[in-house]
Amino acid sequence: MHLHILGICGTFMGGLAALAREAGHRVTGCDAGVYPPMSDQLRALGIDLIEGFGADQLALKPDVFVIGNVVSRGNPLMEAILDAGARYTSGPQWLAENVLQGRHVLAVAGTHGKTTTTSMLAWILEHAGLQPGFLVGGVPLNFGVSARLGSGSTFVIEADEYDTALFDKRSKFVHYRPRTAILNNLEHDHADIFPDLAAIETQFHHLVRTVPASGRLVVNAREESLQRVLARGCWSEVQRFGTKREEPGGLCARGEPQSFDVLRGSLKLGRVEWALLGEHNQMNALAAIGAAEHVGVAPDVACAALASFQNVRRRLELRGEAAGVKVYDDFAHHPTAMRTTVDGLRRKVGHGARILAVFEPRSNTMKLGAMKAQLPWALEEADLSFCLQGNYGWSAAEALAPLGANAVVKDKLDALVAAIAQAAMPGDHVLCMSNGGFGGIHDRLLEALAQRAAH
């Protein structure tokens, strides 16, 4: 089968392309601004990439066009596909019909932590000898790739609530039909398609409706939004995590996040010792342990696997050090994720070191300004904050005004880099947060710091 994938350089569609190629299909694809690292990974797999969405690509005559959710009406190639009556489908639907069918799917849903928790769960199953397939919205360092078919009966997938395609406005995850589903947390996000939290809760309940009675829902007990989702109807076993120690049945943790016991009531199930930071990762681990148990992996085995878990690229990833200043890269873009990331770094470096938080409001939700009021809260643990002002229709300087002189806003990347380099001192930690490449700010900043030190 020949697939031509529209929007192939996105993490989900790029992972799907890799799976299709591994399964023996011919794969081609196109995107606006074909860009690395995904473009390099795909070309290494023998996948031909085309820049742009020209209608002339209809001449490729693939068996099916696979449409990513970045494609909208008015797209020249999409219009040509519709006019010609060519066969097309969405990425999630193709994946469900051609990869997930007949496998035990373990889906990881939530506003935050999906990529990390999916990677943890895949690694636990791998460590246990189950040889899972997986599709992750990032690159787990233990595997070095974002997707693989696997030879076992299990498949672990990051389950995104964003819509499927221009012709299918359901969340992607309703296509996956999991037997095991993690509901990690739930906040308002994706304000471009969801008007409020209740709208997202409805989509999460659609996911709950697809889990069989013999399946398992692994649910964060601390999230009132998830309890509301379950209250709408639940037909599967529920395993809660993050419970209080005395509550029966649920999973909880005792101890510091970098070394903690996993408990069920008063029963110790295992001990995790690892290099990850923050309580959020402890919660991610509990979710992964609960899901792995559903496919026969004992919690003590899961805990042993997590000791060798190496995290995911762009999760507090140290990009380099210059002039005594360390520069990190992180994917955080929602205010809660930003606050959690800053807190995790603070726990690592202590209160004697300075953290300079740098971010761009790049996600659709942040561009709309729907969460601008939460930014001071997200950044309050940082010593200084720097923001790149884009054409958002709202003022980052006004949003960050509660931080006073500790917040700096620039409308050009060069000016932002210069301001950070001037403010940074030896021993500082610069944390760059964005769900995009941030214009290569990490390398630019390291170069600017090195040049300043040389003079």
Protein backbone atom coordinates (compact mmCIF):
# COMPACT_ATOMS: atom_id res chain seq x y z
CA MET A 1 0.00 0.00 0.00
CA HIS A 2 1.18 3.52 -0.83
CA LEU A 3 0.33 6.19 1.76
CA HIS A 4 0.80 9.89 1.12
CA ILE A 5 0.69 11.72 4.45
CA LEU A 6 -0.31 15.38 4.69
CA GLY A 7 1.35 17.09 7.67
CA ILE A 8 4.00 14.39 8.01
CA CYS A 9 6.48 16.34 10.13
CA GLY A 10 4.24 16.55 13.20
CA THR A 11 5.21 14.17 16.00
CA PHE A 12 2.08 12.01 15.66
CA MET A 13 2.01 11.85 11.86
CA GLY A 14 5.77 11.35 11.70
CA GLY A 15 5.49 8.45 14.11
CA LEU A 16 2.63 7.00 12.09
CA ALA A 17 4.78 7.26 8.94
CA ALA A 18 7.57 5.34 10.67
CA LEU A 19 5.15 2.59 11.72
CA ALA A 20 3.72 2.31 8.20
CA ARG A 21 7.21 2.08 6.71
CA GLU A 22 8.20 -0.58 9.24
CA ALA A 23 5.06 -2.53 8.29
CA GLY A 24 6.27 -2.63 4.67
CA HIS A 25 4.15 0.11 3.12
CA ARG A 26 5.45 2.71 0.70
CA VAL A 27 5.24 6.10 2.39
CA THR A 28 5.56 9.61 1.03
CA GLY A 29 4.53 12.84 2.67
CA CYS A 30 4.37 16.60 2.60
CA ASP A 31 4.34 19.49 5.03
CA ALA A 32 4.74 23.24 5.17
CA GLY A 33 8.35 23.89 6.06
CA VAL A 34 9.68 20.32 6.06
CA TYR A 35 11.93 20.54 9.08
CA PRO A 36 14.34 18.50 11.22
CA PRO A 37 14.67 16.49 13.33
CA MET A 38 11.56 14.66 12.08
CA SER A 39 12.45 15.26 8.42
CA ASP A 40 15.90 13.74 8.95
CA GLN A 41 14.42 10.70 10.73
CA LEU A 42 11.87 10.13 7.98
CA ARG A 43 14.37 10.46 5.13
CA ALA A 44 16.61 7.96 6.92
CA LEU A 45 13.68 5.51 6.69
CA GLY A 46 13.48 5.99 2.93
CA ILE A 47 10.42 8.25 3.04
CA ASP A 48 10.25 10.89 0.29
CA LEU A 49 9.23 14.33 1.57
CA ILE A 50 7.73 17.16 -0.45
CA GLU A 51 7.72 20.78 0.61
CA GLY A 52 4.26 22.35 0.69
CA PHE A 53 0.77 21.15 -0.21
CA GLY A 54 0.69 21.56 -3.98
CA ALA A 55 -2.28 20.13 -5.87
CA ASP A 56 0.17 18.48 -8.28
CA GLN A 57 0.83 15.84 -5.58
CA LEU A 58 -2.46 14.27 -6.64
CA ALA A 59 -0.43 12.77 -9.52
CA LEU A 60 1.35 10.48 -7.03
CA LYS A 61 -1.87 8.40 -7.02
CA PRO A 62 -1.36 6.76 -3.62
CA ASP A 63 -3.75 4.11 -2.37
CA VAL A 64 -4.82 6.51 0.35
CA PHE A 65 -4.12 10.08 1.45
CA VAL A 66 -3.68 10.25 5.23
CA ILE A 67 -4.75 13.68 6.47
CA GLY A 68 -3.18 15.33 9.53
CA ASN A 69 -5.13 17.80 11.65
CA VAL A 70 -2.93 20.70 10.52
CA VAL A 71 -4.73 20.52 7.16
CA SER A 72 -7.83 22.71 6.71
CA ARG A 73 -10.26 23.53 3.93
CA GLY A 74 -8.62 25.75 1.36
CA ASN A 75 -5.44 23.70 1.43
CA PRO A 76 -4.68 23.21 -2.32
CA LEU A 77 -3.92 19.51 -2.06
CA MET A 78 -6.92 18.82 0.17
CA GLU A 79 -9.19 20.62 -2.27
CA ALA A 80 -7.75 18.56 -5.15
CA ILE A 81 -8.32 15.33 -3.18
CA LEU A 82 -11.95 16.27 -2.55
CA ASP A 83 -12.56 17.32 -6.16
CA ALA A 84 -11.05 14.10 -7.52
CA GLY A 85 -12.97 11.88 -5.11
CA ALA A 86 -9.67 10.32 -4.03
CA ARG A 87 -9.57 7.99 -1.05
CA TYR A 88 -8.58 9.69 2.19
CA THR A 89 -8.62 8.98 5.91
CA SER A 90 -7.33 10.49 9.13
CA GLY A 91 -4.11 9.47 10.86
CA PRO A 92 -5.82 8.06 13.98
CA GLN A 93 -8.30 6.07 11.91
CA TRP A 94 -5.57 4.58 9.70
CA LEU A 95 -3.57 3.70 12.79
CA ALA A 96 -6.56 2.05 14.48
CA GLU A 97 -7.43 -0.07 11.45
CA ASN A 98 -3.93 -1.06 10.38
CA VAL A 99 -1.77 -1.17 13.52
CA LEU A 100 -3.88 -1.31 16.69
CA GLN A 101 -6.48 -3.83 15.58
CA GLY A 102 -6.19 -7.07 17.58
CA ARG A 103 -3.64 -5.74 20.07
CA HIS A 104 -3.96 -4.86 23.75
CA VAL A 105 -3.82 -1.07 23.52
CA LEU A 106 -2.64 0.91 26.54
CA ALA A 107 -3.54 4.58 26.02
CA VAL A 108 -2.17 7.48 28.06
CA ALA A 109 -4.43 10.55 28.20
CA GLY A 110 -4.13 13.79 30.16
CA THR A 111 -3.39 17.48 29.85
CA HIS A 112 0.16 17.06 31.14
CA GLY A 113 2.72 14.28 31.27
CA LYS A 114 1.39 12.16 28.37
CA THR A 115 4.72 11.82 26.60
CA THR A 116 6.70 11.03 29.73
CA THR A 117 4.14 8.57 31.10
CA THR A 118 3.77 6.82 27.74
CA SER A 119 7.55 6.46 27.58
CA MET A 120 7.69 5.12 31.14
CA LEU A 121 4.99 2.56 30.42
CA ALA A 122 6.62 1.40 27.18
CA TRP A 123 9.95 1.00 28.98
CA ILE A 124 8.37 -0.97 31.84
CA LEU A 125 6.81 -3.40 29.36
CA GLU A 126 10.07 -3.65 27.42
CA HIS A 127 12.03 -4.32 30.61
CA ALA A 128 9.49 -7.03 31.49
CA GLY A 129 10.10 -8.77 28.15
CA LEU A 130 6.75 -7.93 26.53
CA GLN A 131 8.36 -6.25 23.46
CA PRO A 132 5.59 -3.64 23.08
CA GLY A 133 4.86 -1.46 20.12
CA PHE A 134 4.52 2.23 20.88
CA LEU A 135 3.83 5.67 19.47
CA VAL A 136 5.05 8.57 21.59
CA GLY A 137 4.86 12.32 20.95
CA GLY A 138 8.58 12.65 21.64
CA VAL A 139 11.72 10.54 21.64
CA PRO A 140 12.18 8.27 24.70
CA LEU A 141 15.91 8.10 25.34
CA ASN A 142 15.69 4.42 26.27
CA PHE A 143 14.54 3.62 22.72
CA GLY A 144 15.95 6.43 20.57
CA VAL A 145 12.85 6.44 18.33
CA SER A 146 9.34 7.80 18.76
CA ALA A 147 7.51 4.79 17.33
CA ARG A 148 7.91 1.09 16.58
CA LEU A 149 5.58 -1.81 15.79
CA GLY A 150 6.99 -4.20 18.42
CA SER A 151 6.60 -7.96 18.27
CA GLY A 152 4.44 -8.44 21.37
CA SER A 153 0.68 -8.25 21.80
CA THR A 154 0.71 -4.86 23.57
CA PHE A 155 0.82 -1.39 22.06
CA VAL A 156 1.35 1.78 24.12
CA ILE A 157 0.10 5.04 22.66
CA GLU A 158 0.06 8.67 23.69
CA ALA A 159 -3.64 9.53 23.55
CA ASP A 160 -4.19 13.14 22.55
CA GLU A 161 -7.51 14.92 23.10
CA TYR A 162 -6.92 17.33 20.19
CA ASP A 163 -9.27 16.88 17.24
CA THR A 164 -8.67 14.22 14.60
CA ALA A 165 -8.97 15.97 11.23
CA LEU A 166 -10.92 18.64 9.38
CA PHE A 167 -13.63 16.03 8.64
CA ASP A 168 -13.60 14.39 12.09
CA LYS A 169 -13.79 16.72 15.08
CA ARG A 170 -13.69 13.98 17.70
CA SER A 171 -10.58 13.71 19.87
CA LYS A 172 -7.88 11.47 18.42
CA PHE A 173 -8.07 9.06 21.33
CA VAL A 174 -11.60 7.83 20.59
CA HIS A 175 -10.13 5.86 17.67
CA TYR A 176 -7.73 3.81 19.78
CA ARG A 177 -10.20 1.53 21.66
CA PRO A 178 -7.83 0.84 24.59
CA ARG A 179 -8.22 -2.04 27.03
CA THR A 180 -6.09 -0.05 29.50
CA ALA A 181 -6.43 3.72 29.71
CA ILE A 182 -4.54 6.15 31.93
CA LEU A 183 -6.39 9.37 32.79
CA ASN A 184 -3.42 11.27 34.14
CA ASN A 185 -4.91 14.72 34.81
CA LEU A 186 -7.34 17.11 33.16
CA GLU A 187 -7.26 20.90 32.87
CA HIS A 188 -8.58 23.36 30.31
CA ASP A 189 -6.30 23.43 27.28
CA HIS A 190 -6.61 23.75 23.50
CA ALA A 191 -8.79 26.84 23.85
CA ASP A 192 -8.88 27.07 20.05
CA ILE A 193 -11.23 24.06 19.89
CA PHE A 194 -12.57 23.59 23.45
CA PRO A 195 -14.54 26.52 24.90
CA ASP A 196 -14.19 25.31 28.48
CA LEU A 197 -13.14 22.43 30.72
CA ALA A 198 -16.57 20.80 30.53
CA ALA A 199 -16.14 20.34 26.77
CA ILE A 200 -12.90 18.43 27.30
CA GLU A 201 -14.48 16.36 30.06
CA THR A 202 -17.08 15.27 27.52
CA GLN A 203 -14.35 14.04 25.17
CA PHE A 204 -12.67 12.17 28.03
CA HIS A 205 -15.95 10.47 28.77
CA HIS A 206 -16.16 9.40 25.13
CA LEU A 207 -12.82 7.66 25.75
CA VAL A 208 -14.14 6.02 28.92
CA ARG A 209 -17.08 4.66 26.90
CA THR A 210 -14.70 2.77 24.60
CA VAL A 211 -12.93 0.80 27.37
CA PRO A 212 -14.43 -2.71 27.79
CA ALA A 213 -15.76 -4.11 31.06
CA SER A 214 -12.67 -6.32 31.25
CA GLY A 215 -10.47 -3.25 30.81
CA ARG A 216 -8.91 -0.93 33.36
CA LEU A 217 -9.01 2.82 33.87
CA VAL A 218 -5.99 4.13 35.77
CA VAL A 219 -7.16 7.45 37.19
CA ASN A 220 -5.52 10.29 39.11
CA ALA A 221 -7.47 10.39 42.38
CA ARG A 222 -6.53 14.04 43.01
CA GLU A 223 -8.28 15.45 39.94
CA GLU A 224 -11.88 16.55 40.54
CA SER A 225 -12.36 16.91 36.79
CA LEU A 226 -11.61 13.20 36.30
CA GLN A 227 -14.00 12.24 39.08
CA ARG A 228 -16.69 14.18 37.21
CA VAL A 229 -15.82 12.26 34.05
CA LEU A 230 -16.27 8.93 35.83
CA ALA A 231 -19.51 10.09 37.45
CA ARG A 232 -21.06 10.33 33.98
CA GLY A 233 -20.76 6.55 33.70
CA CYS A 234 -18.03 3.96 34.07
CA TRP A 235 -18.17 0.32 32.99
CA SER A 236 -14.59 -0.82 33.67
CA GLU A 237 -12.35 -1.57 36.63
CA VAL A 238 -10.89 1.64 38.10
CA GLN A 239 -7.38 1.72 39.59
CA ARG A 240 -6.73 5.05 41.31
CA PHE A 241 -3.30 6.51 41.97
CA GLY A 242 -2.12 9.43 44.05
CA THR A 243 -4.46 8.34 46.85
CA LYS A 244 -3.87 8.79 50.55
CA ARG A 245 -1.87 5.99 52.11
CA GLU A 246 -4.76 4.65 54.18
CA GLU A 247 -7.17 4.38 51.25
CA PRO A 248 -7.55 0.76 50.08
CA GLY A 249 -6.97 -0.28 46.50
CA GLY A 250 -5.24 2.84 45.20
CA LEU A 251 -1.55 3.39 44.54
CA CYS A 252 0.34 6.01 46.49
CA ALA A 253 3.93 6.99 47.11
CA ARG A 254 5.93 7.65 50.26
CA GLY A 255 9.24 9.47 50.29
CA GLU A 256 11.09 12.00 48.16
CA PRO A 257 10.34 11.89 44.41
CA GLN A 258 13.84 10.68 43.53
CA SER A 259 13.59 7.74 45.94
CA PHE A 260 10.14 6.59 46.96
CA ASP A 261 8.12 3.55 47.99
CA VAL A 262 5.07 2.52 45.98
CA LEU A 263 2.26 1.55 48.34
CA ARG A 264 -1.20 0.03 48.18
CA GLY A 265 -2.71 0.80 51.53
CA SER A 266 -0.08 -0.31 54.05
CA LEU A 267 1.45 -2.83 51.60
CA LYS A 268 4.77 -1.87 50.03
CA LEU A 269 4.82 -2.91 46.36
CA GLY A 270 8.28 -1.71 45.40
CA ARG A 271 10.85 1.06 45.60
CA VAL A 272 11.84 3.47 42.83
CA GLU A 273 15.26 5.12 42.77
CA TRP A 274 15.93 7.29 39.73
CA ALA A 275 17.34 10.59 38.54
CA LEU A 276 14.06 12.27 37.55
CA LEU A 277 12.85 15.44 39.24
CA GLY A 278 9.55 16.57 40.72
CA GLU A 279 6.41 15.14 42.25
CA HIS A 280 4.74 15.20 38.83
CA ASN A 281 7.09 12.47 37.67
CA GLN A 282 6.28 10.46 40.77
CA MET A 283 2.60 10.67 39.77
CA ASN A 284 3.47 9.72 36.18
CA ALA A 285 5.32 6.68 37.53
CA LEU A 286 2.36 5.57 39.67
CA ALA A 287 0.11 5.75 36.60
CA ALA A 288 2.53 3.69 34.51
CA ILE A 289 2.88 1.09 37.28
CA GLY A 290 -0.91 0.74 37.57
CA ALA A 291 -1.31 0.31 33.80
CA ALA A 292 1.55 -2.20 33.53
CA GLU A 293 0.01 -4.28 36.30
CA HIS A 294 -3.08 -4.74 34.11
CA VAL A 295 -1.00 -6.64 31.53
CA GLY A 296 0.70 -8.80 34.15
CA VAL A 297 3.76 -6.78 35.16
CA ALA A 298 4.13 -6.86 38.94
CA PRO A 299 4.72 -3.47 40.60
CA ASP A 300 8.13 -4.50 41.95
CA VAL A 301 9.22 -5.37 38.40
CA ALA A 302 7.88 -2.02 37.17
CA CYS A 303 9.77 -0.20 39.93
CA ALA A 304 12.99 -1.94 38.92
CA ALA A 305 12.44 -0.87 35.31
CA LEU A 306 11.96 2.77 36.28
CA ALA A 307 15.38 2.81 37.92
CA SER A 308 16.86 2.67 34.39
CA PHE A 309 14.34 5.02 32.75
CA GLN A 310 16.18 7.85 30.96
CA ASN A 311 13.28 10.25 30.32
CA VAL A 312 12.41 11.92 27.02
CA ARG A 313 14.21 14.47 24.91
CA ARG A 314 13.21 18.05 25.71
CA ARG A 315 12.25 17.27 29.29
CA LEU A 316 14.61 19.43 31.36
CA GLU A 317 17.27 18.48 28.83
CA LEU A 318 20.63 20.17 29.48
CA ARG A 319 21.69 21.65 26.15
CA GLY A 320 25.03 22.98 27.25
CA GLU A 321 27.01 25.23 29.54
CA ALA A 322 28.92 28.43 28.75
CA ALA A 323 30.50 31.01 31.03
CA GLY A 324 29.37 28.95 34.01
CA VAL A 325 25.72 29.18 32.94
CA LYS A 326 23.70 26.02 32.23
CA VAL A 327 21.05 26.15 29.50
CA TYR A 328 18.09 23.72 29.51
CA ASP A 329 15.38 22.90 26.99
CA ASP A 330 11.87 21.85 28.00
CA PHE A 331 8.61 21.28 26.11
CA ALA A 332 6.45 22.97 28.78
CA HIS A 333 3.94 25.46 27.34
CA HIS A 334 0.80 25.28 29.51
CA PRO A 335 1.08 27.40 32.71
CA THR A 336 0.70 24.36 34.98
CA ALA A 337 3.44 22.51 33.09
CA MET A 338 5.66 25.58 33.24
CA ARG A 339 5.21 25.91 37.01
CA THR A 340 5.88 22.18 37.49
CA THR A 341 9.03 22.36 35.37
CA VAL A 342 10.39 25.38 37.22
CA ASP A 343 9.62 23.63 40.51
CA GLY A 344 11.41 20.49 39.36
CA LEU A 345 14.52 22.46 38.45
CA ARG A 346 14.33 24.35 41.76
CA ARG A 347 14.32 21.06 43.64
CA LYS A 348 17.42 20.05 41.72
CA VAL A 349 19.50 23.22 42.08
CA GLY A 350 18.22 24.40 45.47
CA HIS A 351 17.37 27.92 46.56
CA GLY A 352 20.97 29.10 46.48
CA ALA A 353 21.11 29.16 42.68
CA ARG A 354 19.23 31.45 40.32
CA ILE A 355 16.75 30.19 37.72
CA LEU A 356 16.13 32.33 34.63
CA ALA A 357 12.90 31.15 33.00
CA VAL A 358 12.56 31.87 29.27
CA PHE A 359 9.39 31.10 27.32
CA GLU A 360 7.36 31.84 24.21
CA PRO A 361 3.54 31.59 24.26
CA ARG A 362 3.54 29.46 21.10
CA SER A 363 0.69 26.98 21.56
CA ASN A 364 -2.71 27.86 20.06
CA THR A 365 -4.15 28.20 23.56
CA MET A 366 -1.42 30.58 24.73
CA LYS A 367 -1.58 32.64 21.52
CA LEU A 368 -5.26 33.27 22.22
CA GLY A 369 -4.35 34.66 25.64
CA ALA A 370 -6.77 32.29 27.35
CA MET A 371 -4.29 31.57 30.15
CA LYS A 372 -2.21 34.74 30.26
CA ALA A 373 -3.46 35.55 33.77
CA GLN A 374 -1.81 32.35 35.06
CA LEU A 375 1.67 33.24 33.79
CA PRO A 376 2.87 35.10 36.94
CA TRP A 377 1.78 32.07 39.01
CA ALA A 378 3.56 29.72 36.59
CA LEU A 379 6.83 31.66 36.88
CA GLU A 380 6.86 32.83 40.49
CA GLU A 381 9.55 30.30 41.55
CA ALA A 382 11.98 31.70 38.94
CA ASP A 383 14.34 34.53 39.86
CA LEU A 384 13.99 36.23 36.47
CA SER A 385 11.55 35.61 33.61
CA PHE A 386 11.99 36.41 29.91
CA CYS A 387 9.28 36.25 27.25
CA LEU A 388 9.31 36.56 23.47
CA GLN A 389 6.39 38.77 22.43
CA GLY A 390 4.73 37.58 19.24
CA ASN A 391 1.76 38.87 17.27
CA TYR A 392 -0.72 37.42 19.75
CA GLY A 393 -3.18 40.25 20.14
CA TRP A 394 -2.35 40.60 23.83
CA SER A 395 0.56 42.11 25.74
CA ALA A 396 2.96 39.77 27.50
CA ALA A 397 4.38 42.75 29.42
CA GLU A 398 0.93 43.51 30.86
CA ALA A 399 0.34 39.86 31.72
CA LEU A 400 3.69 39.65 33.51
CA ALA A 401 3.34 43.01 35.28
CA PRO A 402 2.78 41.35 38.70
CA LEU A 403 6.38 40.09 38.49
CA GLY A 404 7.64 43.68 38.29
CA ALA A 405 11.26 44.17 37.28
CA ASN A 406 11.86 40.41 37.40
CA ALA A 407 10.10 40.01 34.03
CA VAL A 408 11.60 41.09 30.70
CA VAL A 409 9.70 41.02 27.38
CA LYS A 410 11.28 41.45 23.94
CA ASP A 411 9.67 41.29 20.51
CA LYS A 412 12.79 40.05 18.67
CA LEU A 413 14.70 36.86 19.39
CA ASP A 414 18.11 38.54 19.08
CA ALA A 415 17.09 41.16 21.63
CA LEU A 416 15.80 38.45 23.97
CA VAL A 417 19.05 36.48 23.71
CA ALA A 418 21.08 39.64 24.38
CA ALA A 419 19.00 40.48 27.45
CA ILE A 420 19.38 36.97 28.89
CA ALA A 421 23.11 36.88 28.22
CA GLN A 422 23.55 40.24 29.92
CA ALA A 423 21.56 39.19 32.99
CA ALA A 424 23.03 35.70 33.40
CA MET A 425 25.83 35.13 35.90
CA PRO A 426 28.08 32.13 36.58
CA GLY A 427 26.12 29.48 38.48
CA ASP A 428 22.78 30.44 36.88
CA HIS A 429 20.38 27.97 35.26
CA VAL A 430 18.53 29.19 32.16
CA LEU A 431 15.35 27.22 31.46
CA CYS A 432 13.93 27.66 27.94
CA MET A 433 10.31 26.49 27.56
CA SER A 434 8.42 26.11 24.28
CA ASN A 435 6.48 23.50 22.33
CA GLY A 436 8.48 24.49 19.25
CA GLY A 437 12.11 25.06 18.32
CA PHE A 438 12.11 28.59 19.81
CA GLY A 439 14.23 29.81 16.90
CA GLY A 440 17.26 27.86 18.08
CA ILE A 441 17.50 30.03 21.19
CA HIS A 442 19.54 27.42 23.09
CA ASP A 443 22.52 27.46 20.73
CA ARG A 444 22.26 31.22 20.21
CA LEU A 445 22.31 31.78 23.93
CA LEU A 446 25.26 29.46 24.52
CA GLU A 447 27.17 31.26 21.75
CA ALA A 448 26.35 34.69 23.21
CA LEU A 449 27.45 33.61 26.68
CA ALA A 450 30.72 32.18 25.32
CA GLN A 451 31.42 35.38 23.39
CA ARG A 452 30.76 37.49 26.44
CA ALA A 453 33.12 35.35 28.51
CA ALA A 454 35.83 35.63 25.83
CA HIS A 455 35.78 39.40 26.15
